[in-house]
PDB file of N, CA and C in Angstrom:
ATOM      1  N   UNK A   1      70.086 -15.037  50.501  1.00  0.00           N
ATOM      2  CA  UNK A   1      69.431 -16.091  50.753  1.00  0.00           C
ATOM      3  C   UNK A   1      68.007 -15.626  50.608  1.00  0.00           C
ATOM      4  N   UNK A   2      67.855 -14.847  51.827  1.00  0.00           N
ATOM      5  CA  UNK A   2      66.390 -14.351  52.129  1.00  0.00           C
ATOM      6  C   UNK A   2      65.716 -13.738  51.023  1.00  0.00           C
ATOM      7  N   UNK A   3      66.657 -13.093  49.983  1.00  0.00           N
ATOM      8  CA  UNK A   3      65.788 -12.289  49.058  1.00  0.00           C
ATOM      9  C   UNK A   3      65.761 -12.987  48.563  1.00  0.00           C
ATOM     10  N   UNK A   4      66.561 -14.040  47.798  1.00  0.00           N
ATOM     11  CA  UNK A   4      66.777 -15.335  46.862  1.00  0.00           C
ATOM     12  C   UNK A   4      65.188 -15.456  47.244  1.00  0.00           C
ATOM     13  N   UNK A   5      64.684 -16.083  48.540  1.00  0.00           N
ATOM     14  CA  UNK A   5      63.598 -16.928  48.464  1.00  0.00           C
ATOM     15  C   UNK A   5      62.082 -15.707  48.436  1.00  0.00           C
ATOM     16  N   UNK A   6      62.413 -14.795  49.145  1.00  0.00           N
ATOM     17  CA  UNK A   6      61.242 -13.560  49.026  1.00  0.00           C
ATOM     18  C   UNK A   6      61.030 -13.363  47.423  1.00  0.00           C
ATOM     19  N   UNK A   7      62.206 -12.984  46.333  1.00  0.00           N
ATOM     20  CA  UNK A   7      61.540 -12.802  44.804  1.00  0.00           C
ATOM     21  C   UNK A   7      61.456 -14.339  44.464  1.00  0.00           C
ATOM     22  N   UNK A   8      61.315 -15.769  44.240  1.00  0.00           N
ATOM     23  CA  UNK A   8      60.570 -17.176  44.397  1.00  0.00           C
ATOM     24  C   UNK A   8      59.766 -17.151  44.471  1.00  0.00           C
ATOM     25  N   UNK A   9      59.200 -16.625  45.185  1.00  0.00           N
ATOM     26  CA  UNK A   9      57.745 -16.904  46.279  1.00  0.00           C
ATOM     27  C   UNK A   9      57.155 -15.142  45.194  1.00  0.00           C
ATOM     28  N   UNK A  10      57.286 -14.298  45.597  1.00  0.00           N
ATOM     29  CA  UNK A  10      56.684 -13.062  44.613  1.00  0.00           C
ATOM     30  C   UNK A  10      56.654 -14.143  43.080  1.00  0.00           C
ATOM     31  N   UNK A  11      57.191 -14.207  42.913  1.00  0.00           N
ATOM     32  CA  UNK A  11      56.864 -14.956  40.891  1.00  0.00           C
ATOM     33  C   UNK A  11      56.400 -15.663  40.745  1.00  0.00           C
ATOM     34  N   UNK A  12      56.334 -16.583  41.728  1.00  0.00           N
ATOM     35  CA  UNK A  12      55.871 -17.966  42.226  1.00  0.00           C
ATOM     36  C   UNK A  12      53.541 -17.262  42.190  1.00  0.00           C
ATOM     37  N   UNK A  13      53.455 -16.193  43.373  1.00  0.00           N
ATOM     38  CA  UNK A  13      52.790 -16.109  43.208  1.00  0.00           C
ATOM     39  C   UNK A  13      52.254 -15.978  41.951  1.00  0.00           C
ATOM     40  N   UNK A  14      53.077 -14.261  41.060  1.00  0.00           N
ATOM     41  CA  UNK A  14      52.220 -13.773  39.673  1.00  0.00           C
ATOM     42  C   UNK A  14      52.080 -14.904  39.112  1.00  0.00           C
ATOM     43  N   UNK A  15      52.574 -15.677  38.426  1.00  0.00           N
ATOM     44  CA  UNK A  15      52.358 -17.314  37.822  1.00  0.00           C
ATOM     45  C   UNK A  15      51.190 -17.127  38.373  1.00  0.00           C
ATOM     46  N   UNK A  16      51.054 -17.898  39.576  1.00  0.00           N
ATOM     47  CA  UNK A  16      49.280 -18.452  40.055  1.00  0.00           C
ATOM     48  C   UNK A  16      48.186 -17.513  39.386  1.00  0.00           C
ATOM     49  N   UNK A  17      48.394 -16.599  39.842  1.00  0.00           N
ATOM     50  CA  UNK A  17      47.593 -15.216  39.471  1.00  0.00           C
ATOM     51  C   UNK A  17      47.001 -15.782  37.993  1.00  0.00           C
ATOM     52  N   UNK A  18      48.056 -14.746  37.314  1.00  0.00           N
ATOM     53  CA  UNK A  18      48.437 -14.774  35.979  1.00  0.00           C
ATOM     54  C   UNK A  18      47.831 -15.739  35.357  1.00  0.00           C
ATOM     55  N   UNK A  19      48.550 -17.661  35.451  1.00  0.00           N
ATOM     56  CA  UNK A  19      47.841 -18.217  34.720  1.00  0.00           C
ATOM     57  C   UNK A  19      45.998 -19.243  34.929  1.00  0.00           C
ATOM     58  N   UNK A  20      45.841 -18.496  36.272  1.00  0.00           N
ATOM     59  CA  UNK A  20      44.566 -19.298  37.262  1.00  0.00           C
ATOM     60  C   UNK A  20      43.948 -19.176  36.732  1.00  0.00           C
ATOM     61  N   UNK A  21      43.200 -18.963  35.586  1.00  0.00           N
ATOM     62  CA  UNK A  21      41.956 -19.300  35.267  1.00  0.00           C
ATOM     63  C   UNK A  21      41.223 -20.702  35.299  1.00  0.00           C
ATOM     64  N   UNK A  22      39.599 -20.274  36.032  1.00  0.00           N
ATOM     65  CA  UNK A  22      39.747 -21.844  36.048  1.00  0.00           C
ATOM     66  C   UNK A  22      37.974 -22.095  35.998  1.00  0.00           C
ATOM     67  N   UNK A  23      36.787 -22.538  36.531  1.00  0.00           N
ATOM     68  CA  UNK A  23      35.402 -22.696  36.145  1.00  0.00           C
ATOM     69  C   UNK A  23      35.115 -21.030  36.893  1.00  0.00           C
ATOM     70  N   UNK A  24      35.886 -21.096  37.551  1.00  0.00           N
ATOM     71  CA  UNK A  24      34.367 -19.715  38.240  1.00  0.00           C
ATOM     72  C   UNK A  24      35.671 -19.247  37.571  1.00  0.00           C
ATOM     73  N   UNK A  25      36.238 -18.155  37.198  1.00  0.00           N
ATOM     74  CA  UNK A  25      36.613 -17.614  36.454  1.00  0.00           C
ATOM     75  C   UNK A  25      35.222 -17.152  35.630  1.00  0.00           C
ATOM     76  N   UNK A  26      35.154 -17.503  35.149  1.00  0.00           N
ATOM     77  CA  UNK A  26      33.661 -17.206  34.384  1.00  0.00           C
ATOM     78  C   UNK A  26      32.242 -16.272  34.380  1.00  0.00           C
ATOM     79  N   UNK A  27      32.339 -16.210  36.037  1.00  0.00           N
ATOM     80  CA  UNK A  27      30.825 -15.479  36.502  1.00  0.00           C
ATOM     81  C   UNK A  27      31.068 -14.328  35.795  1.00  0.00           C
ATOM     82  N   UNK A  28      32.396 -13.999  34.854  1.00  0.00           N
ATOM     83  CA  UNK A  28      32.165 -12.247  34.949  1.00  0.00           C
ATOM     84  C   UNK A  28      31.330 -12.414  33.092  1.00  0.00           C
ATOM     85  N   UNK A  29      30.108 -13.331  32.720  1.00  0.00           N
ATOM     86  CA  UNK A  29      29.848 -13.668  31.709  1.00  0.00           C
ATOM     87  C   UNK A  29      27.879 -13.789  31.610  1.00  0.00           C
ATOM     88  N   UNK A  30      27.598 -13.051  30.223  1.00  0.00           N
ATOM     89  CA  UNK A  30      25.996 -12.459  30.719  1.00  0.00           C
ATOM     90  C   UNK A  30      25.931 -11.813  29.510  1.00  0.00           C
ATOM     91  N   UNK A  31      24.157 -13.353  29.296  1.00  0.00           N
ATOM     92  CA  UNK A  31      23.254 -13.283  28.593  1.00  0.00           C
ATOM     93  C   UNK A  31      23.222 -11.789  27.363  1.00  0.00           C
ATOM     94  N   UNK A  32      23.835 -11.893  25.962  1.00  0.00           N
ATOM     95  CA  UNK A  32      23.589 -10.826  25.144  1.00  0.00           C
ATOM     96  C   UNK A  32      25.282 -10.014  25.595  1.00  0.00           C
ATOM     97  N   UNK A  33      26.425  -9.984  25.892  1.00  0.00           N
ATOM     98  CA  UNK A  33      27.446  -9.910  25.637  1.00  0.00           C
ATOM     99  C   UNK A  33      28.278 -10.348  24.068  1.00  0.00           C
ATOM    100  N   UNK A  34      29.159  -9.761  23.508  1.00  0.00           N
ATOM    101  CA  UNK A  34      29.008 -10.226  21.978  1.00  0.00           C
ATOM    102  C   UNK A  34      30.510 -10.860  22.895  1.00  0.00           C
ATOM    103  N   UNK A  35      30.651 -11.589  20.930  1.00  0.00           N
ATOM    104  CA  UNK A  35      31.460 -12.441  21.312  1.00  0.00           C
ATOM    105  C   UNK A  35      33.000 -11.659  21.333  1.00  0.00           C
ATOM    106  N   UNK A  36      33.610  -9.931  20.991  1.00  0.00           N
ATOM    107  CA  UNK A  36      34.696  -9.951  21.130  1.00  0.00           C
ATOM    108  C   UNK A  36      34.675  -9.645  22.970  1.00  0.00           C
ATOM    109  N   UNK A  37      33.603  -9.144  23.453  1.00  0.00           N
ATOM    110  CA  UNK A  37      33.847  -8.675  24.881  1.00  0.00           C
ATOM    111  C   UNK A  37      34.011 -10.716  25.907  1.00  0.00           C
ATOM    112  N   UNK A  38      34.081 -11.532  24.906  1.00  0.00           N
ATOM    113  CA  UNK A  38      34.480 -12.872  25.342  1.00  0.00           C
ATOM    114  C   UNK A  38      35.640 -12.944  25.091  1.00  0.00           C
ATOM    115  N   UNK A  39      36.342 -12.667  23.694  1.00  0.00           N
ATOM    116  CA  UNK A  39      37.909 -12.864  23.661  1.00  0.00           C
ATOM    117  C   UNK A  39      38.835 -12.052  24.058  1.00  0.00           C
ATOM    118  N   UNK A  40      38.258 -10.625  24.735  1.00  0.00           N
ATOM    119  CA  UNK A  40      38.696  -9.891  24.812  1.00  0.00           C
ATOM    120  C   UNK A  40      38.968 -10.772  26.978  1.00  0.00           C
ATOM    121  N   UNK A  41      38.159 -11.100  27.362  1.00  0.00           N
ATOM    122  CA  UNK A  41      38.125 -11.239  28.549  1.00  0.00           C
ATOM    123  C   UNK A  41      38.819 -13.383  28.633  1.00  0.00           C
ATOM    124  N   UNK A  42      38.898 -13.690  28.324  1.00  0.00           N
ATOM    125  CA  UNK A  42      39.137 -15.015  27.975  1.00  0.00           C
ATOM    126  C   UNK A  42      40.540 -15.881  27.098  1.00  0.00           C
ATOM    127  N   UNK A  43      40.332 -14.207  26.209  1.00  0.00           N
ATOM    128  CA  UNK A  43      41.604 -15.439  25.184  1.00  0.00           C
ATOM    129  C   UNK A  43      40.602 -15.742  23.253  1.00  0.00           C
ATOM    130  N   UNK A  44      41.017 -16.166  23.151  1.00  0.00           N
ATOM    131  CA  UNK A  44      41.330 -17.436  22.545  1.00  0.00           C
ATOM    132  C   UNK A  44      40.803 -18.655  23.092  1.00  0.00           C
ATOM    133  N   UNK A  45      39.867 -19.740  21.943  1.00  0.00           N
ATOM    134  CA  UNK A  45      39.200 -20.588  22.909  1.00  0.00           C
ATOM    135  C   UNK A  45      40.080 -21.610  22.247  1.00  0.00           C
ATOM    136  N   UNK A  46      40.032 -22.761  23.093  1.00  0.00           N
ATOM    137  CA  UNK A  46      40.636 -23.960  22.215  1.00  0.00           C
ATOM    138  C   UNK A  46      40.216 -24.565  21.319  1.00  0.00           C
ATOM    139  N   UNK A  47      38.710 -24.804  21.504  1.00  0.00           N
ATOM    140  CA  UNK A  47      38.195 -24.913  20.084  1.00  0.00           C
ATOM    141  C   UNK A  47      36.730 -24.008  19.992  1.00  0.00           C
ATOM    142  N   UNK A  48      36.143 -24.874  18.964  1.00  0.00           N
ATOM    143  CA  UNK A  48      35.159 -23.470  19.034  1.00  0.00           C
ATOM    144  C   UNK A  48      33.960 -24.233  16.975  1.00  0.00           C
ATOM    145  N   UNK A  49      33.166 -24.201  17.446  1.00  0.00           N
ATOM    146  CA  UNK A  49      32.139 -25.321  17.105  1.00  0.00           C
ATOM    147  C   UNK A  49      30.888 -24.502  16.711  1.00  0.00           C
ATOM    148  N   UNK A  50      29.570 -25.471  15.535  1.00  0.00           N
ATOM    149  CA  UNK A  50      28.264 -25.170  15.602  1.00  0.00           C
ATOM    150  C   UNK A  50      27.772 -26.452  16.420  1.00  0.00           C
ATOM    151  N   UNK A  51      26.431 -26.064  16.609  1.00  0.00           N
ATOM    152  CA  UNK A  51      25.511 -27.027  16.683  1.00  0.00           C
ATOM    153  C   UNK A  51      23.782 -26.370  15.760  1.00  0.00           C
ATOM    154  N   UNK A  52      24.109 -27.587  15.044  1.00  0.00           N
ATOM    155  CA  UNK A  52      23.008 -27.672  14.461  1.00  0.00           C
ATOM    156  C   UNK A  52      21.257 -27.599  14.592  1.00  0.00           C
ATOM    157  N   UNK A  53      21.131 -27.883  16.109  1.00  0.00           N
ATOM    158  CA  UNK A  53      19.949 -28.138  16.665  1.00  0.00           C
ATOM    159  C   UNK A  53      19.484 -26.810  17.517  1.00  0.00           C
ATOM    160  N   UNK A  54      20.524 -26.524  17.742  1.00  0.00           N
ATOM    161  CA  UNK A  54      20.129 -25.168  19.094  1.00  0.00           C
ATOM    162  C   UNK A  54      20.275 -24.186  18.009  1.00  0.00           C
ATOM    163  N   UNK A  55      21.441 -24.357  16.889  1.00  0.00           N
ATOM    164  CA  UNK A  55      21.761 -23.206  15.818  1.00  0.00           C
ATOM    165  C   UNK A  55      22.033 -22.291  16.069  1.00  0.00           C
ATOM    166  N   UNK A  56      23.326 -22.329  16.976  1.00  0.00           N
ATOM    167  CA  UNK A  56      24.015 -21.666  17.905  1.00  0.00           C
ATOM    168  C   UNK A  56      25.396 -21.887  17.375  1.00  0.00           C
ATOM    169  N   UNK A  57      26.505 -21.032  17.382  1.00  0.00           N
ATOM    170  CA  UNK A  57      27.512 -21.508  17.694  1.00  0.00           C
ATOM    171  C   UNK A  57      28.246 -21.498  18.973  1.00  0.00           C
ATOM    172  N   UNK A  58      29.974 -22.056  19.060  1.00  0.00           N
ATOM    173  CA  UNK A  58      30.101 -22.115  20.523  1.00  0.00           C
ATOM    174  C   UNK A  58      31.462 -21.921  20.426  1.00  0.00           C
ATOM    175  N   UNK A  59      31.992 -21.254  21.479  1.00  0.00           N
ATOM    176  CA  UNK A  59      33.214 -21.382  22.175  1.00  0.00           C
ATOM    177  C   UNK A  59      33.697 -22.877  23.127  1.00  0.00           C
ATOM    178  N   UNK A  60      34.869 -23.621  23.009  1.00  0.00           N
ATOM    179  CA  UNK A  60      35.155 -24.323  24.169  1.00  0.00           C
ATOM    180  C   UNK A  60      36.723 -24.265  24.749  1.00  0.00           C
ATOM    181  N   UNK A  61      36.326 -24.429  26.242  1.00  0.00           N
ATOM    182  CA  UNK A  61      37.579 -23.475  27.124  1.00  0.00           C
ATOM    183  C   UNK A  61      37.664 -24.437  27.600  1.00  0.00           C
ATOM    184  N   UNK A  62      38.749 -25.325  27.874  1.00  0.00           N
ATOM    185  CA  UNK A  62      39.411 -26.343  29.071  1.00  0.00           C
ATOM    186  C   UNK A  62      39.932 -25.551  29.870  1.00  0.00           C
ATOM    187  N   UNK A  63      39.513 -26.103  31.458  1.00  0.00           N
ATOM    188  CA  UNK A  63      39.948 -24.700  32.238  1.00  0.00           C
ATOM    189  C   UNK A  63      39.887 -25.782  33.618  1.00  0.00           C
ATOM    190  N   UNK A  64      41.358 -25.835  34.561  1.00  0.00           N
ATOM    191  CA  UNK A  64      40.830 -25.981  35.218  1.00  0.00           C
ATOM    192  C   UNK A  64      39.608 -26.599  36.023  1.00  0.00           C
ATOM    193  N   UNK A  65      39.045 -27.075  37.013  1.00  0.00           N
ATOM    194  CA  UNK A  65      37.718 -27.025  37.703  1.00  0.00           C
ATOM    195  C   UNK A  65      38.117 -25.862  39.003  1.00  0.00           C
ATOM    196  N   UNK A  66      39.376 -26.062  39.473  1.00  0.00           N
ATOM    197  CA  UNK A  66      39.366 -25.090  40.921  1.00  0.00           C
ATOM    198  C   UNK A  66      40.721 -24.654  40.577  1.00  0.00           C
ATOM    199  N   UNK A  67      41.795 -23.529  41.171  1.00  0.00           N
ATOM    200  CA  UNK A  67      42.160 -23.101  41.234  1.00  0.00           C
ATOM    201  C   UNK A  67      43.386 -24.154  40.844  1.00  0.00           C
ATOM    202  N   UNK A  68      43.216 -25.277  42.064  1.00  0.00           N
ATOM    203  CA  UNK A  68      44.435 -25.238  42.919  1.00  0.00           C
ATOM    204  C   UNK A  68      44.340 -26.989  42.116  1.00  0.00           C
ATOM    205  N   UNK A  69      43.340 -26.925  41.200  1.00  0.00           N
ATOM    206  CA  UNK A  69      42.841 -28.597  40.737  1.00  0.00           C
ATOM    207  C   UNK A  69      43.969 -28.946  39.035  1.00  0.00           C
ATOM    208  N   UNK A  70      43.742 -30.179  38.706  1.00  0.00           N
ATOM    209  CA  UNK A  70      44.986 -30.602  38.160  1.00  0.00           C
ATOM    210  C   UNK A  70      43.716 -31.148  36.978  1.00  0.00           C
ATOM    211  N   UNK A  71      42.354 -31.653  37.578  1.00  0.00           N
ATOM    212  CA  UNK A  71      41.428 -32.251  35.913  1.00  0.00           C
ATOM    213  C   UNK A  71      41.251 -30.515  35.661  1.00  0.00           C
ATOM    214  N   UNK A  72      40.339 -31.041  34.885  1.00  0.00           N
ATOM    215  CA  UNK A  72      40.168 -30.265  33.324  1.00  0.00           C
ATOM    216  C   UNK A  72      38.927 -30.471  33.447  1.00  0.00           C
ATOM    217  N   UNK A  73      38.212 -29.371  32.890  1.00  0.00           N
ATOM    218  CA  UNK A  73      37.069 -29.060  32.508  1.00  0.00           C
ATOM    219  C   UNK A  73      36.739 -28.706  30.608  1.00  0.00           C
ATOM    220  N   UNK A  74      35.158 -28.861  30.332  1.00  0.00           N
ATOM    221  CA  UNK A  74      35.552 -28.214  29.058  1.00  0.00           C
ATOM    222  C   UNK A  74      34.210 -27.202  29.565  1.00  0.00           C
ATOM    223  N   UNK A  75      34.252 -26.303  29.417  1.00  0.00           N
ATOM    224  CA  UNK A  75      33.606 -24.797  29.758  1.00  0.00           C
ATOM    225  C   UNK A  75      33.667 -24.096  28.312  1.00  0.00           C
ATOM    226  N   UNK A  76      31.911 -24.078  28.170  1.00  0.00           N
ATOM    227  CA  UNK A  76      31.201 -23.795  26.333  1.00  0.00           C
ATOM    228  C   UNK A  76      30.736 -22.614  26.911  1.00  0.00           C
ATOM    229  N   UNK A  77      30.954 -21.703  26.066  1.00  0.00           N
ATOM    230  CA  UNK A  77      29.949 -20.674  25.691  1.00  0.00           C
ATOM    231  C   UNK A  77      28.989 -20.910  24.083  1.00  0.00           C
ATOM    232  N   UNK A  78      27.836 -20.571  24.059  1.00  0.00           N
ATOM    233  CA  UNK A  78      27.171 -20.693  22.986  1.00  0.00           C
ATOM    234  C   UNK A  78      26.675 -18.897  22.747  1.00  0.00           C
ATOM    235  N   UNK A  79      27.458 -19.117  21.046  1.00  0.00           N
ATOM    236  CA  UNK A  79      26.126 -17.469  20.889  1.00  0.00           C
ATOM    237  C   UNK A  79      25.539 -17.683  19.560  1.00  0.00           C
ATOM    238  N   UNK A  80      24.331 -16.711  19.678  1.00  0.00           N
ATOM    239  CA  UNK A  80      23.618 -16.564  18.512  1.00  0.00           C
ATOM    240  C   UNK A  80      24.007 -14.968  17.639  1.00  0.00           C
ATOM    241  N   UNK A  81      23.690 -15.127  16.210  1.00  0.00           N
ATOM    242  CA  UNK A  81      23.881 -13.293  15.688  1.00  0.00           C
ATOM    243  C   UNK A  81      25.065 -12.597  16.634  1.00  0.00           C
ATOM    244  N   UNK A  82      26.248 -13.513  17.081  1.00  0.00           N
ATOM    245  CA  UNK A  82      27.225 -12.792  17.759  1.00  0.00           C
ATOM    246  C   UNK A  82      27.256 -12.450  18.888  1.00  0.00           C
ATOM    247  N   UNK A  83      25.762 -13.013  19.682  1.00  0.00           N
ATOM    248  CA  UNK A  83      25.413 -12.381  21.412  1.00  0.00           C
ATOM    249  C   UNK A  83      25.684 -13.827  22.053  1.00  0.00           C
ATOM    250  N   UNK A  84      26.178 -13.849  23.282  1.00  0.00           N
ATOM    251  CA  UNK A  84      25.839 -14.993  24.263  1.00  0.00           C
ATOM    252  C   UNK A  84      24.563 -15.606  24.417  1.00  0.00           C
ATOM    253  N   UNK A  85      24.250 -16.181  24.404  1.00  0.00           N
ATOM    254  CA  UNK A  85      23.121 -16.886  24.684  1.00  0.00           C
ATOM    255  C   UNK A  85      22.509 -17.897  26.099  1.00  0.00           C
ATOM    256  N   UNK A  86      23.923 -18.456  25.744  1.00  0.00           N
ATOM    257  CA  UNK A  86      24.452 -19.989  27.341  1.00  0.00           C
ATOM    258  C   UNK A  86      25.343 -19.715  27.504  1.00  0.00           C
ATOM    259  N   UNK A  87      25.830 -20.455  28.566  1.00  0.00           N
ATOM    260  CA  UNK A  87      27.294 -20.931  28.919  1.00  0.00           C
ATOM    261  C   UNK A  87      26.973 -22.177  30.112  1.00  0.00           C
ATOM    262  N   UNK A  88      28.573 -22.352  30.284  1.00  0.00           N
ATOM    263  CA  UNK A  88      28.590 -23.869  31.199  1.00  0.00           C
ATOM    264  C   UNK A  88      29.356 -25.022  30.898  1.00  0.00           C
ATOM    265  N   UNK A  89      29.623 -25.423  31.948  1.00  0.00           N
ATOM    266  CA  UNK A  89      29.720 -26.742  31.806  1.00  0.00           C
ATOM    267  C   UNK A  89      29.816 -27.601  30.430  1.00  0.00           C
ATOM    268  N   UNK A  90      30.518 -28.076  29.846  1.00  0.00           N
ATOM    269  CA  UNK A  90      29.658 -29.376  29.210  1.00  0.00           C
ATOM    270  C   UNK A  90      29.051 -30.682  29.850  1.00  0.00           C
ATOM    271  N   UNK A  91      28.516 -30.608  29.333  1.00  0.00           N
ATOM    272  CA  UNK A  91      27.056 -32.419  30.245  1.00  0.00           C
ATOM    273  C   UNK A  91      26.552 -31.621  31.856  1.00  0.00           C
ATOM    274  N   UNK A  92      26.688 -30.258  31.977  1.00  0.00           N
ATOM    275  CA  UNK A  92      26.018 -29.777  32.848  1.00  0.00           C
ATOM    276  C   UNK A  92      24.722 -29.124  32.449  1.00  0.00           C
ATOM    277  N   UNK A  93      23.853 -28.683  33.104  1.00  0.00           N
ATOM    278  CA  UNK A  93      22.979 -27.571  32.932  1.00  0.00           C
ATOM    279  C   UNK A  93      23.603 -26.540  32.386  1.00  0.00           C
ATOM    280  N   UNK A  94      23.030 -25.964  31.164  1.00  0.00           N
ATOM    281  CA  UNK A  94      24.119 -24.338  30.670  1.00  0.00           C
ATOM    282  C   UNK A  94      23.024 -23.257  31.564  1.00  0.00           C
ATOM    283  N   UNK A  95      23.540 -22.046  31.553  1.00  0.00           N
ATOM    284  CA  UNK A  95      22.730 -20.839  32.410  1.00  0.00           C
ATOM    285  C   UNK A  95      21.328 -20.777  31.490  1.00  0.00           C
ATOM    286  N   UNK A  96      20.647 -20.389  31.619  1.00  0.00           N
ATOM    287  CA  UNK A  96      19.298 -20.073  31.221  1.00  0.00           C
ATOM    288  C   UNK A  96      19.328 -19.908  29.993  1.00  0.00           C
ATOM    289  N   UNK A  97      18.511 -19.641  28.223  1.00  0.00           N
ATOM    290  CA  UNK A  97      18.990 -18.849  27.742  1.00  0.00           C
ATOM    291  C   UNK A  97      17.238 -17.662  27.795  1.00  0.00           C
ATOM    292  N   UNK A  98      17.497 -16.194  27.677  1.00  0.00           N
ATOM    293  CA  UNK A  98      16.504 -15.215  26.970  1.00  0.00           C
ATOM    294  C   UNK A  98      16.324 -15.252  26.082  1.00  0.00           C
TER     295      UNK A  98
END
């Protein structure tokens, strides 16, 4: 019984660590990062688009607002010439562009 409990807790911990992408996990982004680097870190986005006003392409990821939260936020990463120029939660101020 004790071995089964330890095994169940270990499996649960691994599942949580592997699947827990949250807004804080986007702290690895930086201006100038390539599109392929973003894809290798975060995988395929939930949606993509183009903003004609800023002339940027963007990825949108739906992520939990924190590791234990049930609510999701839309997290947008904008690209110009296949390089990151800004990122942040949609509806919030995004990181400055350079």
